[in-house]
Protein backbone atom coordinates (compact mmCIF):
# COMPACT_ATOMS: atom_id res chain seq x y z
CA MET A 1 0.00 0.00 0.00
CA LEU A 2 2.74 2.48 0.95
CA LEU A 3 4.76 1.59 -2.13
CA GLY A 4 1.72 2.36 -4.29
CA LEU A 5 1.24 5.73 -2.61
CA LEU A 6 4.92 6.53 -3.05
CA LEU A 7 4.80 5.62 -6.74
CA VAL A 8 1.71 7.78 -7.27
CA ALA A 9 3.41 10.71 -5.51
CA VAL A 10 6.55 10.34 -7.65
CA ALA A 11 4.43 10.11 -10.82
CA ALA A 12 2.45 13.21 -9.84
CA ALA A 13 5.60 15.19 -9.12
CA SER A 14 7.15 14.08 -12.39
CA TRP A 15 4.00 14.91 -14.36
CA GLY A 16 3.58 18.29 -12.69
CA THR A 17 7.07 19.50 -13.50
CA THR A 18 7.32 18.61 -17.19
CA GLY A 19 6.08 21.96 -18.50
CA ALA A 20 8.38 24.00 -16.26
CA THR A 21 11.30 21.75 -17.13
CA MET A 22 10.65 22.14 -20.85
CA ALA A 23 10.43 25.92 -20.53
CA TRP A 24 13.72 25.96 -18.63
CA LEU A 25 15.44 23.65 -21.15
CA ALA A 26 14.19 25.70 -24.11
CA ARG A 27 15.36 28.93 -22.50
CA ASP A 28 18.71 27.95 -20.97
CA ALA A 29 19.84 24.84 -22.83
CA ASP A 30 18.30 25.63 -26.23
CA ALA A 31 16.76 22.14 -26.32
CA SER A 32 14.06 21.56 -28.91
CA PRO A 33 10.74 19.92 -28.03
CA LEU A 34 11.66 17.05 -30.35
CA LEU A 35 14.92 16.39 -28.46
CA VAL A 36 13.26 16.54 -25.04
CA GLY A 37 10.37 14.30 -26.13
CA TRP A 38 12.76 11.80 -27.71
CA SER A 39 14.96 11.76 -24.61
CA ARG A 40 12.02 11.09 -22.32
CA LEU A 41 10.77 8.25 -24.51
CA ALA A 42 14.26 6.80 -25.00
CA ILE A 43 14.59 6.48 -21.23
CA ALA A 44 10.99 5.53 -20.38
CA ALA A 45 10.21 3.04 -23.15
CA PRO A 46 12.86 0.43 -22.23
CA CYS A 47 11.91 0.75 -18.56
CA LEU A 48 8.23 0.21 -19.35
CA VAL A 49 8.94 -2.76 -21.65
CA LEU A 50 11.14 -4.33 -18.99
CA ALA A 51 8.49 -3.81 -16.31
CA ALA A 52 5.77 -5.22 -18.56
CA SER A 53 7.82 -8.31 -19.33
CA VAL A 54 8.60 -8.96 -15.65
CA VAL A 55 5.14 -8.37 -14.14
CA PRO A 56 2.88 -11.40 -14.63
CA ARG A 57 -0.32 -10.85 -16.58
CA PRO A 58 -3.61 -12.08 -15.15
CA ALA A 59 -4.59 -15.43 -16.62
CA ALA A 60 -8.22 -14.35 -17.06
CA ARG A 61 -7.34 -12.06 -19.96
CA HIS A 62 -6.39 -14.88 -22.31
CA ALA A 63 -7.65 -18.42 -22.63
CA THR A 64 -4.08 -19.64 -23.01
CA PRO A 65 -1.19 -17.81 -21.37
CA ARG A 66 1.25 -16.32 -23.84
CA ARG A 67 4.53 -14.52 -23.62
CA TRP A 68 4.46 -10.74 -23.86
CA PRO A 69 5.08 -9.09 -26.21
CA SER A 70 3.91 -11.43 -28.88
CA ARG A 71 3.78 -10.68 -32.60
CA ALA A 72 0.07 -9.95 -32.23
CA ASP A 73 0.89 -7.16 -29.77
CA LEU A 74 3.42 -5.39 -32.00
CA PRO A 75 1.01 -3.29 -34.17
CA LEU A 76 -0.80 -2.03 -31.07
CA CYS A 77 2.50 -1.32 -29.31
CA ALA A 78 3.76 0.58 -32.37
CA ALA A 79 0.57 2.64 -32.57
CA LEU A 80 0.73 3.46 -28.87
CA GLY A 81 4.40 4.37 -29.19
CA LEU A 82 3.64 6.76 -32.05
CA ALA A 83 0.81 8.33 -30.04
CA MET A 84 3.12 8.81 -27.04
CA ALA A 85 5.79 10.37 -29.26
CA ALA A 86 3.28 12.71 -30.88
CA TYR A 87 1.98 13.77 -27.46
CA GLN A 88 5.49 14.53 -26.20
CA VAL A 89 6.43 16.69 -29.16
CA CYS A 90 3.07 18.50 -29.33
CA TYR A 91 2.93 19.19 -25.59
CA PHE A 92 6.50 20.44 -25.36
CA ARG A 93 6.09 22.59 -28.48
CA ALA A 94 2.96 24.11 -26.96
CA VAL A 95 4.90 24.92 -23.78
CA THR A 96 7.60 26.70 -25.78
CA LEU A 97 4.94 28.69 -27.66
CA THR A 98 2.67 29.60 -24.73
CA GLY A 99 4.94 29.47 -21.70
CA VAL A 100 4.49 27.22 -18.73
CA ALA A 101 0.85 26.30 -19.28
CA ALA A 102 -0.49 29.01 -16.97
CA ALA A 103 -4.09 28.29 -17.84
CA THR A 104 -3.86 24.52 -17.44
CA ASP A 105 -1.58 24.24 -14.42
CA PRO A 106 -2.37 26.96 -11.85
CA ALA A 107 -1.57 24.53 -9.00
CA CYS A 108 2.11 24.57 -9.98
CA SER A 109 4.00 27.06 -7.85
CA LEU A 110 5.79 28.35 -10.96
CA SER A 111 2.53 29.29 -12.67
CA PRO A 112 1.61 32.98 -12.84
CA ASP A 113 -1.91 32.02 -11.68
CA HIS A 114 -0.71 30.08 -8.63
CA GLY A 115 -1.86 32.96 -6.40
CA LEU A 116 -5.48 32.15 -7.30
CA ILE A 117 -5.08 28.64 -5.89
CA GLU A 118 -3.38 29.94 -2.76
CA LYS A 119 -6.14 32.50 -2.22
CA ALA A 120 -8.85 29.85 -2.64
CA ARG A 121 -7.05 27.59 -0.16
CA THR A 122 -6.65 30.40 2.36
CA ASP A 123 -10.29 31.44 1.95
CA ALA A 124 -11.44 27.85 2.45
CA LEU A 125 -9.51 27.60 5.72
CA ASP A 126 -10.84 30.93 7.06
CA PRO A 127 -13.26 30.18 9.96
CA ALA A 128 -15.14 33.43 9.28
CA ALA A 129 -15.85 32.43 5.67
CA PRO A 130 -19.49 31.75 4.81
CA ALA A 131 -20.62 28.14 4.69
CA LEU A 132 -20.49 26.34 1.38
CA VAL A 133 -23.80 25.78 -0.35
CA TYR A 134 -24.02 22.65 -2.46
CA ARG A 135 -26.57 23.03 -5.23
CA ALA A 136 -28.36 20.26 -7.02
CA PRO A 137 -31.45 20.46 -9.23
CA GLY A 138 -34.43 21.05 -6.97
CA ARG A 139 -32.54 21.32 -3.67
CA SER A 140 -29.64 23.01 -1.88
CA VAL A 141 -27.72 21.80 1.14
CA THR A 142 -25.62 24.02 3.43
CA ALA A 143 -22.45 22.50 4.85
């Protein structure tokens, strides 16, 4: 259970810093979105393939157990790989064009809109703040 929570926390931290990292690399290291996306995939893909080959697959998925990856899996794996590569390049190019995704990541402390999240958090913790009113069609409930 704790290992799962740790892995989720590491994944969240990694996910939440990709835009800021790309902006920094584009500014200071003159790294292109294509290079950064390729580097991430070149490191992650072998790790994911290794993990997938080591972790046993549930027997209920297939009538007869088979080794992974099989030839039948290769077209799907190739399509997923291309989709991942396209996402990397498109996302990192968008970050270089628009900055560190201020509109989509205000929770990141590096975002220009992070103050809005901090204000909402502070307001929510204020004991003098009015009670929240939950609205649903036909009724409202005060917390």
